[in-house]
N, C-alpha and C. Protein backbone atom coordinates (compact mmCIF):
# COMPACT_ATOMS: atom_id res chain seq x y z
N MET A 1 17.98 13.26 134.53
CA MET A 1 19.18 13.12 135.33
C MET A 1 19.09 14.09 136.49
N SER A 2 18.49 13.68 137.54
CA SER A 2 18.30 14.55 138.69
C SER A 2 19.17 14.09 139.84
N GLY A 3 20.45 14.06 139.61
CA GLY A 3 21.36 13.62 140.66
C GLY A 3 22.14 14.78 141.21
N LEU A 4 23.20 14.45 141.91
CA LEU A 4 24.05 15.46 142.54
C LEU A 4 24.84 16.24 141.51
N PHE A 5 25.28 15.56 140.45
CA PHE A 5 26.13 16.20 139.45
C PHE A 5 25.33 16.49 138.19
N THR A 6 24.38 17.39 138.25
CA THR A 6 23.54 17.70 137.11
C THR A 6 24.24 18.61 136.12
N SER A 7 25.23 19.36 136.58
CA SER A 7 25.94 20.24 135.65
C SER A 7 27.44 20.15 135.92
N PRO A 8 28.24 20.45 134.93
CA PRO A 8 29.69 20.41 135.13
C PRO A 8 30.14 21.44 136.16
N ALA A 9 29.44 22.55 136.30
CA ALA A 9 29.83 23.58 137.25
C ALA A 9 29.71 23.08 138.68
N SER A 10 28.63 22.35 138.98
CA SER A 10 28.47 21.84 140.35
C SER A 10 29.52 20.77 140.64
N PHE A 11 29.86 19.97 139.64
CA PHE A 11 30.91 18.96 139.83
C PHE A 11 32.25 19.63 140.10
N LEU A 12 32.54 20.69 139.35
CA LEU A 12 33.80 21.41 139.52
C LEU A 12 33.87 22.07 140.90
N ALA A 13 32.77 22.64 141.36
CA ALA A 13 32.75 23.28 142.67
C ALA A 13 32.97 22.25 143.77
N LEU A 14 32.32 21.11 143.66
CA LEU A 14 32.48 20.05 144.66
C LEU A 14 33.89 19.50 144.67
N PHE A 15 34.46 19.33 143.49
CA PHE A 15 35.83 18.83 143.39
C PHE A 15 36.83 19.83 143.98
N SER A 16 36.60 21.13 143.74
CA SER A 16 37.49 22.16 144.29
C SER A 16 37.45 22.16 145.81
N CYS A 17 36.26 22.03 146.38
CA CYS A 17 36.15 22.00 147.84
C CYS A 17 36.87 20.78 148.41
N TRP A 18 36.71 19.64 147.77
CA TRP A 18 37.39 18.43 148.23
C TRP A 18 38.91 18.59 148.16
N ALA A 19 39.42 19.24 147.08
CA ALA A 19 40.86 19.44 146.92
C ALA A 19 41.40 20.37 148.01
N LEU A 20 40.65 21.41 148.32
CA LEU A 20 41.10 22.35 149.36
C LEU A 20 41.13 21.69 150.72
N ILE A 21 40.12 20.89 151.03
CA ILE A 21 40.06 20.24 152.34
C ILE A 21 41.19 19.22 152.47
N SER A 22 41.44 18.45 151.42
CA SER A 22 42.50 17.45 151.50
C SER A 22 43.87 18.11 151.55
N ALA A 23 44.05 19.25 150.88
CA ALA A 23 45.33 19.96 150.94
C ALA A 23 45.56 20.54 152.32
N ALA A 24 44.50 21.02 152.95
CA ALA A 24 44.64 21.59 154.30
C ALA A 24 44.99 20.50 155.30
N GLU A 25 44.41 19.30 155.12
CA GLU A 25 44.73 18.21 156.03
C GLU A 25 46.16 17.74 155.83
N ALA A 26 46.66 17.81 154.60
CA ALA A 26 48.02 17.34 154.31
C ALA A 26 49.06 18.30 154.84
N GLN A 27 48.73 19.56 155.05
CA GLN A 27 49.70 20.55 155.47
C GLN A 27 49.65 20.84 156.96
N THR A 28 49.15 19.94 157.75
CA THR A 28 49.14 20.18 159.19
C THR A 28 50.58 20.20 159.67
N PRO A 29 50.95 21.22 160.42
CA PRO A 29 52.35 21.35 160.84
C PRO A 29 52.73 20.25 161.82
N THR A 30 53.88 19.69 161.57
CA THR A 30 54.40 18.69 162.51
C THR A 30 55.27 19.42 163.52
N PRO A 31 55.20 19.06 164.75
CA PRO A 31 56.01 19.77 165.75
C PRO A 31 57.49 19.53 165.47
N SER A 32 58.25 20.63 165.51
CA SER A 32 59.69 20.52 165.26
C SER A 32 60.36 19.92 166.49
N PRO A 33 61.44 19.20 166.27
CA PRO A 33 62.11 18.59 167.42
C PRO A 33 62.70 19.68 168.31
N ALA A 34 62.76 19.39 169.58
CA ALA A 34 63.31 20.36 170.54
C ALA A 34 64.77 20.58 170.20
N PRO A 35 65.22 21.85 170.25
CA PRO A 35 66.62 22.12 169.91
C PRO A 35 67.56 21.46 170.92
N VAL A 36 68.66 20.97 170.38
CA VAL A 36 69.66 20.32 171.22
C VAL A 36 70.37 21.40 172.02
N PRO A 37 70.57 21.21 173.31
CA PRO A 37 71.28 22.22 174.12
C PRO A 37 72.67 22.48 173.54
N CYS A 38 73.08 23.73 173.67
CA CYS A 38 74.36 24.14 173.08
C CYS A 38 75.53 23.38 173.70
N SER A 39 75.47 23.09 174.98
CA SER A 39 76.60 22.44 175.65
C SER A 39 76.87 21.05 175.09
N LEU A 40 75.87 20.40 174.50
CA LEU A 40 76.07 19.07 173.93
C LEU A 40 76.85 19.12 172.62
N LYS A 41 76.93 20.32 172.01
CA LYS A 41 77.64 20.46 170.74
C LYS A 41 79.08 20.93 170.93
N SER A 42 79.56 20.99 172.16
CA SER A 42 80.94 21.36 172.42
C SER A 42 81.86 20.29 171.86
N ASN A 43 83.06 20.68 171.50
CA ASN A 43 84.10 19.82 170.92
C ASN A 43 83.65 19.21 169.59
N THR A 44 82.73 19.87 168.89
CA THR A 44 82.34 19.41 167.55
C THR A 44 82.93 20.40 166.55
N SER A 45 82.09 21.08 165.82
CA SER A 45 82.58 22.10 164.88
C SER A 45 81.72 23.37 165.04
N CYS A 46 82.26 24.43 164.52
CA CYS A 46 81.56 25.72 164.60
C CYS A 46 80.24 25.65 163.85
N ASP A 47 80.23 25.02 162.67
CA ASP A 47 79.01 24.93 161.87
C ASP A 47 77.90 24.19 162.61
N GLU A 48 78.26 23.09 163.27
CA GLU A 48 77.25 22.33 164.01
C GLU A 48 76.71 23.14 165.18
N CYS A 49 77.60 23.86 165.85
CA CYS A 49 77.18 24.66 167.01
C CYS A 49 76.23 25.76 166.60
N LEU A 50 76.56 26.45 165.51
CA LEU A 50 75.79 27.63 165.12
C LEU A 50 74.52 27.31 164.34
N GLN A 51 74.18 26.02 164.22
CA GLN A 51 72.89 25.67 163.62
C GLN A 51 71.75 26.16 164.52
N ASN A 52 72.02 26.24 165.80
CA ASN A 52 71.06 26.79 166.75
C ASN A 52 71.42 28.26 166.96
N VAL A 53 70.48 29.15 166.76
CA VAL A 53 70.77 30.59 166.84
C VAL A 53 71.10 31.04 168.25
N ALA A 54 70.73 30.28 169.23
CA ALA A 54 70.97 30.68 170.61
C ALA A 54 72.37 30.30 171.08
N CYS A 55 73.17 29.70 170.21
CA CYS A 55 74.49 29.23 170.62
C CYS A 55 75.59 30.20 170.20
N LEU A 56 76.68 30.17 170.95
CA LEU A 56 77.87 30.98 170.71
C LEU A 56 79.05 30.02 170.69
N TRP A 57 79.90 30.11 169.67
CA TRP A 57 81.05 29.22 169.53
C TRP A 57 82.30 29.97 169.92
N CYS A 58 83.13 29.36 170.76
CA CYS A 58 84.39 29.95 171.19
C CYS A 58 85.52 29.10 170.59
N ILE A 59 86.35 29.70 169.76
CA ILE A 59 87.36 28.96 169.00
C ILE A 59 88.44 28.32 169.88
N PRO A 60 89.11 29.08 170.78
CA PRO A 60 90.24 28.45 171.50
C PRO A 60 89.81 27.30 172.42
N THR A 61 88.64 27.43 173.02
CA THR A 61 88.20 26.37 173.93
C THR A 61 87.37 25.31 173.22
N ARG A 62 86.99 25.56 171.94
CA ARG A 62 86.12 24.67 171.16
C ARG A 62 84.85 24.34 171.93
N GLN A 63 84.29 25.37 172.55
CA GLN A 63 83.07 25.18 173.35
C GLN A 63 81.89 25.85 172.66
N CYS A 64 80.79 25.19 172.71
CA CYS A 64 79.52 25.73 172.23
C CYS A 64 78.70 26.06 173.48
N ILE A 65 78.44 27.33 173.67
CA ILE A 65 77.76 27.76 174.89
C ILE A 65 76.49 28.53 174.53
N ASP A 66 75.57 28.58 175.47
CA ASP A 66 74.37 29.39 175.28
C ASP A 66 74.79 30.85 175.28
N TYR A 67 74.19 31.62 174.35
CA TYR A 67 74.52 33.04 174.26
C TYR A 67 74.06 33.72 175.54
N PRO A 68 74.95 34.48 176.18
CA PRO A 68 74.55 35.16 177.44
C PRO A 68 73.62 36.33 177.13
N VAL A 69 72.32 36.07 177.16
CA VAL A 69 71.35 37.08 176.76
C VAL A 69 71.16 38.18 177.80
N LYS A 70 71.61 37.95 179.01
CA LYS A 70 71.44 38.98 180.04
C LYS A 70 72.35 40.16 179.78
N SER A 71 73.49 39.92 179.18
CA SER A 71 74.38 41.01 178.77
C SER A 71 74.34 41.09 177.25
N ILE A 72 74.40 42.29 176.74
CA ILE A 72 74.30 42.46 175.29
C ILE A 72 75.48 41.80 174.60
N LEU A 73 76.66 42.06 175.10
CA LEU A 73 77.87 41.44 174.55
C LEU A 73 78.33 40.34 175.49
N PRO A 74 78.86 39.25 174.95
CA PRO A 74 79.35 38.21 175.84
C PRO A 74 80.57 38.71 176.61
N PRO A 75 80.62 38.49 177.91
CA PRO A 75 81.76 38.98 178.68
C PRO A 75 83.05 38.26 178.28
N ASN A 76 84.17 38.91 178.55
CA ASN A 76 85.47 38.37 178.19
C ASN A 76 85.75 37.07 178.94
N SER A 77 85.14 36.88 180.09
CA SER A 77 85.35 35.66 180.86
C SER A 77 84.72 34.45 180.16
N VAL A 78 83.66 34.67 179.42
CA VAL A 78 83.02 33.58 178.68
C VAL A 78 83.86 33.23 177.46
N CYS A 79 84.16 34.25 176.64
CA CYS A 79 84.98 34.06 175.44
C CYS A 79 85.39 35.44 174.95
N PRO A 80 86.68 35.65 174.59
CA PRO A 80 87.08 36.95 174.04
C PRO A 80 86.33 37.23 172.73
N LEU A 81 86.04 38.50 172.49
CA LEU A 81 85.25 38.86 171.30
C LEU A 81 85.95 38.46 170.01
N ASN A 82 87.30 38.48 169.99
CA ASN A 82 88.03 38.10 168.77
C ASN A 82 87.78 36.64 168.42
N ASP A 83 87.56 35.80 169.43
CA ASP A 83 87.43 34.37 169.21
C ASP A 83 85.98 33.89 169.22
N ALA A 84 85.05 34.76 169.50
CA ALA A 84 83.64 34.36 169.57
C ALA A 84 83.02 34.39 168.18
N ARG A 85 82.19 33.41 167.90
CA ARG A 85 81.48 33.34 166.63
C ARG A 85 79.99 33.18 166.95
N TRP A 86 79.16 33.97 166.25
CA TRP A 86 77.71 33.88 166.46
C TRP A 86 77.04 34.14 165.12
N GLY A 87 76.14 33.31 164.74
CA GLY A 87 75.44 33.47 163.46
C GLY A 87 76.15 32.77 162.33
N VAL A 88 77.39 33.18 162.04
CA VAL A 88 78.20 32.56 161.00
C VAL A 88 79.60 32.33 161.53
N CYS A 89 80.27 31.32 161.01
CA CYS A 89 81.60 30.96 161.53
C CYS A 89 82.71 31.83 160.96
N TRP A 90 82.51 32.43 159.83
CA TRP A 90 83.60 33.13 159.17
C TRP A 90 83.77 34.58 159.62
N VAL A 91 82.92 35.08 160.50
CA VAL A 91 83.06 36.46 161.01
C VAL A 91 83.15 36.40 162.52
N ASN A 92 84.24 36.99 163.08
CA ASN A 92 84.31 37.01 164.54
C ASN A 92 83.37 38.08 165.08
N PHE A 93 83.03 37.93 166.33
CA PHE A 93 81.99 38.76 166.95
C PHE A 93 82.39 40.22 166.98
N GLN A 94 83.67 40.50 167.19
CA GLN A 94 84.14 41.88 167.26
C GLN A 94 83.96 42.59 165.92
N ILE A 95 84.34 41.92 164.83
CA ILE A 95 84.16 42.52 163.50
C ILE A 95 82.68 42.67 163.18
N LEU A 96 81.89 41.71 163.59
CA LEU A 96 80.45 41.77 163.37
C LEU A 96 79.85 42.99 164.06
N ILE A 97 80.25 43.24 165.30
CA ILE A 97 79.74 44.39 166.05
C ILE A 97 80.18 45.69 165.40
N ILE A 98 81.47 45.77 165.02
CA ILE A 98 81.99 46.99 164.41
C ILE A 98 81.30 47.26 163.08
N SER A 99 81.18 46.24 162.24
CA SER A 99 80.56 46.46 160.93
C SER A 99 79.08 46.81 161.06
N MET A 100 78.38 46.20 162.01
CA MET A 100 76.97 46.53 162.19
C MET A 100 76.80 47.96 162.71
N SER A 101 77.69 48.39 163.60
CA SER A 101 77.57 49.77 164.11
C SER A 101 77.91 50.78 163.02
N VAL A 102 78.91 50.46 162.17
CA VAL A 102 79.23 51.36 161.06
C VAL A 102 78.06 51.42 160.08
N LEU A 103 77.47 50.27 159.78
CA LEU A 103 76.32 50.23 158.88
C LEU A 103 75.15 51.02 159.46
N ALA A 104 74.89 50.87 160.76
CA ALA A 104 73.81 51.63 161.40
C ALA A 104 74.10 53.13 161.34
N GLY A 105 75.37 53.50 161.56
CA GLY A 105 75.75 54.91 161.48
C GLY A 105 75.54 55.48 160.09
N ILE A 106 75.90 54.70 159.07
CA ILE A 106 75.70 55.14 157.68
C ILE A 106 74.23 55.32 157.38
N ILE A 107 73.42 54.39 157.85
CA ILE A 107 71.97 54.49 157.60
C ILE A 107 71.39 55.72 158.29
N ILE A 108 71.79 55.95 159.53
CA ILE A 108 71.30 57.13 160.26
C ILE A 108 71.75 58.40 159.56
N LEU A 109 73.01 58.44 159.13
CA LEU A 109 73.53 59.61 158.43
C LEU A 109 72.78 59.83 157.12
N ALA A 110 72.49 58.76 156.39
CA ALA A 110 71.75 58.88 155.13
C ALA A 110 70.35 59.43 155.37
N VAL A 111 69.70 58.97 156.43
CA VAL A 111 68.35 59.47 156.75
C VAL A 111 68.41 60.95 157.10
N LEU A 112 69.42 61.35 157.88
CA LEU A 112 69.55 62.75 158.24
C LEU A 112 69.82 63.62 157.02
N VAL A 113 70.69 63.14 156.11
CA VAL A 113 70.98 63.90 154.89
C VAL A 113 69.72 64.03 154.04
N CYS A 114 68.96 62.94 153.93
CA CYS A 114 67.70 63.01 153.16
C CYS A 114 66.73 64.01 153.78
N CYS A 115 66.61 63.99 155.11
CA CYS A 115 65.72 64.95 155.77
C CYS A 115 66.18 66.38 155.54
N PHE A 116 67.50 66.61 155.62
CA PHE A 116 68.04 67.95 155.41
C PHE A 116 67.77 68.41 153.98
N CYS A 117 68.01 67.50 153.01
CA CYS A 117 67.78 67.87 151.61
C CYS A 117 66.31 68.16 151.35
N CYS A 118 65.43 67.37 151.93
CA CYS A 118 64.00 67.60 151.74
C CYS A 118 63.59 68.95 152.32
N CYS A 119 64.10 69.26 153.51
CA CYS A 119 63.76 70.56 154.13
C CYS A 119 64.31 71.70 153.30
N LYS A 120 65.53 71.54 152.78
CA LYS A 120 66.15 72.59 151.98
C LYS A 120 65.37 72.79 150.69
N CYS A 121 64.97 71.69 150.05
CA CYS A 121 64.19 71.79 148.81
C CYS A 121 62.85 72.46 149.09
N GLU A 122 62.26 72.17 150.24
CA GLU A 122 60.98 72.78 150.59
C GLU A 122 61.15 74.28 150.78
N ARG A 123 62.28 74.66 151.42
CA ARG A 123 62.53 76.10 151.62
C ARG A 123 62.75 76.79 150.29
N ILE A 124 63.47 76.15 149.36
CA ILE A 124 63.69 76.74 148.05
C ILE A 124 62.36 76.88 147.32
N GLY A 125 61.53 75.84 147.43
CA GLY A 125 60.20 75.91 146.83
C GLY A 125 59.40 77.05 147.42
N ASN A 126 59.50 77.26 148.73
CA ASN A 126 58.78 78.36 149.38
C ASN A 126 59.32 79.70 148.89
N LYS A 127 60.65 79.79 148.68
CA LYS A 127 61.21 81.05 148.20
C LYS A 127 60.69 81.36 146.81
N SER A 128 60.63 80.36 145.95
CA SER A 128 60.12 80.62 144.60
C SER A 128 58.64 80.98 144.67
N GLU A 129 57.90 80.33 145.58
CA GLU A 129 56.49 80.69 145.75
C GLU A 129 56.37 82.11 146.29
N ASP A 130 57.24 82.47 147.24
CA ASP A 130 57.23 83.83 147.78
C ASP A 130 57.54 84.85 146.69
N ALA A 131 58.51 84.52 145.83
CA ALA A 131 58.86 85.43 144.74
C ALA A 131 57.70 85.56 143.77
N GLN A 132 57.02 84.47 143.48
CA GLN A 132 55.87 84.49 142.58
C GLN A 132 54.75 85.34 143.18
N VAL A 133 54.50 85.20 144.47
CA VAL A 133 53.47 86.00 145.14
C VAL A 133 53.85 87.48 145.09
N ALA A 134 55.14 87.78 145.30
CA ALA A 134 55.59 89.18 145.26
C ALA A 134 55.39 89.76 143.85
N ARG A 135 55.71 88.97 142.81
CA ARG A 135 55.51 89.44 141.43
C ARG A 135 54.03 89.70 141.16
N GLN A 136 53.18 88.80 141.63
CA GLN A 136 51.75 88.99 141.42
C GLN A 136 51.25 90.23 142.16
N THR A 137 51.78 90.46 143.35
CA THR A 137 51.38 91.65 144.13
C THR A 137 51.81 92.92 143.41
N ARG A 138 53.05 92.93 142.90
CA ARG A 138 53.52 94.12 142.16
C ARG A 138 52.67 94.36 140.92
N ALA A 139 52.35 93.29 140.19
CA ALA A 139 51.53 93.44 138.99
C ALA A 139 50.14 93.96 139.35
N ARG A 140 49.58 93.45 140.44
CA ARG A 140 48.25 93.89 140.87
C ARG A 140 48.29 95.38 141.25
N LYS A 141 49.35 95.80 141.96
CA LYS A 141 49.45 97.21 142.35
C LYS A 141 49.63 98.11 141.13
N ALA A 142 50.39 97.63 140.14
CA ALA A 142 50.58 98.43 138.92
C ALA A 142 49.26 98.58 138.18
N ARG A 143 48.48 97.51 138.05
CA ARG A 143 47.16 97.60 137.40
C ARG A 143 46.24 98.55 138.16
N GLN A 144 46.30 98.47 139.48
CA GLN A 144 45.46 99.33 140.31
C GLN A 144 45.85 100.80 140.11
N LYS A 145 47.15 101.05 140.00
CA LYS A 145 47.62 102.43 139.81
C LYS A 145 47.17 102.97 138.45
N THR A 146 47.27 102.13 137.40
CA THR A 146 46.81 102.60 136.08
C THR A 146 45.31 102.85 136.09
N ARG A 147 44.55 101.98 136.74
CA ARG A 147 43.09 102.21 136.82
C ARG A 147 42.79 103.50 137.57
N ARG A 148 43.54 103.76 138.62
CA ARG A 148 43.31 104.97 139.41
C ARG A 148 43.61 106.22 138.58
N THR A 149 44.70 106.19 137.80
CA THR A 149 45.03 107.37 136.97
C THR A 149 43.99 107.55 135.85
N GLU A 150 43.54 106.42 135.26
CA GLU A 150 42.50 106.51 134.22
C GLU A 150 41.22 107.11 134.81
N MET A 151 40.84 106.69 136.00
CA MET A 151 39.64 107.21 136.64
C MET A 151 39.82 108.71 136.93
N GLN A 152 40.99 109.10 137.36
CA GLN A 152 41.26 110.51 137.66
C GLN A 152 41.13 111.34 136.39
N LEU A 153 41.65 110.79 135.27
CA LEU A 153 41.55 111.51 133.99
C LEU A 153 40.09 111.67 133.57
N ARG A 154 39.31 110.60 133.71
CA ARG A 154 37.88 110.68 133.36
C ARG A 154 37.16 111.71 134.22
N HIS A 155 37.47 111.73 135.50
CA HIS A 155 36.84 112.72 136.39
C HIS A 155 37.22 114.14 135.97
N ASP A 156 38.48 114.34 135.62
CA ASP A 156 38.92 115.67 135.18
C ASP A 156 38.21 116.09 133.89
N GLU A 157 38.04 115.12 132.95
CA GLU A 157 37.32 115.43 131.70
C GLU A 157 35.87 115.84 132.00
N ILE A 158 35.24 115.13 132.92
CA ILE A 158 33.85 115.44 133.27
C ILE A 158 33.78 116.83 133.93
N ARG A 159 34.73 117.14 134.78
CA ARG A 159 34.74 118.46 135.43
C ARG A 159 34.90 119.58 134.40
N GLN A 160 35.80 119.34 133.40
CA GLN A 160 36.00 120.37 132.36
C GLN A 160 34.74 120.51 131.50
N LYS A 161 34.09 119.38 131.23
CA LYS A 161 32.89 119.40 130.41
C LYS A 161 31.79 120.24 131.05
N TYR A 162 31.65 120.14 132.36
CA TYR A 162 30.61 120.88 133.06
C TYR A 162 31.11 122.17 133.67
N GLY A 163 32.34 122.51 133.40
CA GLY A 163 32.88 123.80 133.81
C GLY A 163 33.20 123.90 135.28
N VAL A 164 33.48 122.84 135.92
CA VAL A 164 33.85 122.88 137.33
C VAL A 164 35.30 122.46 137.53
N ALA A 165 36.07 122.58 136.47
CA ALA A 165 37.47 122.15 136.56
C ALA A 165 38.23 123.16 137.39
N LYS A 166 39.18 122.65 138.10
CA LYS A 166 39.99 123.52 138.96
C LYS A 166 41.29 123.83 138.24
N ASP A 167 41.63 125.12 138.17
CA ASP A 167 42.94 125.48 137.63
C ASP A 167 44.00 125.17 138.67
N ASN A 168 43.66 125.54 139.88
CA ASN A 168 44.56 125.24 141.00
C ASN A 168 43.94 124.08 141.77
N PRO A 169 44.62 123.00 141.86
CA PRO A 169 44.01 121.86 142.55
C PRO A 169 43.76 122.13 144.03
N TYR A 170 44.41 123.18 144.57
CA TYR A 170 44.24 123.48 145.98
C TYR A 170 43.18 124.56 146.23
N ALA A 171 42.56 125.06 145.16
CA ALA A 171 41.53 126.09 145.31
C ALA A 171 40.22 125.43 145.66
N ARG A 172 39.33 126.22 146.32
CA ARG A 172 38.02 125.69 146.69
C ARG A 172 37.14 125.61 145.46
N MET A 173 36.23 124.66 145.51
CA MET A 173 35.34 124.44 144.37
C MET A 173 34.33 125.61 144.22
N ASP A 174 33.84 126.16 145.28
CA ASP A 174 32.80 127.17 145.18
C ASP A 174 33.36 128.56 144.87
N ASP A 175 34.67 128.74 144.70
CA ASP A 175 35.24 130.03 144.34
C ASP A 175 35.04 130.32 142.86
N HIS A 176 34.73 129.43 142.05
CA HIS A 176 34.63 129.62 140.61
C HIS A 176 33.40 130.34 140.24
């Protein structure tokens, strides 16, 4: 049997490649229809108008207008902020702006508090490290002092052993 499918593994590999190629051909993106201009959705409903993200709905005039992107907020001449709807119909634009600014303020405040707490914790950690270093330094100096006194005692014993001990520590060595 010297054909193309001599082993189940080669058959499985060939079948997998065929499945991937056919799946890729089936998923070719179809071009989406061009969005309907906002002005054509005037005198309909808020939900229909706001299906397009670029549209702004004005309640009293029942007009669907293009969002004025040149100005951040829509001017009062286009539609008052209380009556403007953008994104969702159940929140007016003024409340949306106020709530988003409050939310942004809370987030900024939370970040600042976290930064302050982290810096404070780092300073406390440094203080404990400084205290630990100071304790180690004191212990090292105490050990050094005991070693120095022990060495002084040994030197004094050696001086007494060889008879060169000084009765008066301020006397000259060669006076004895």
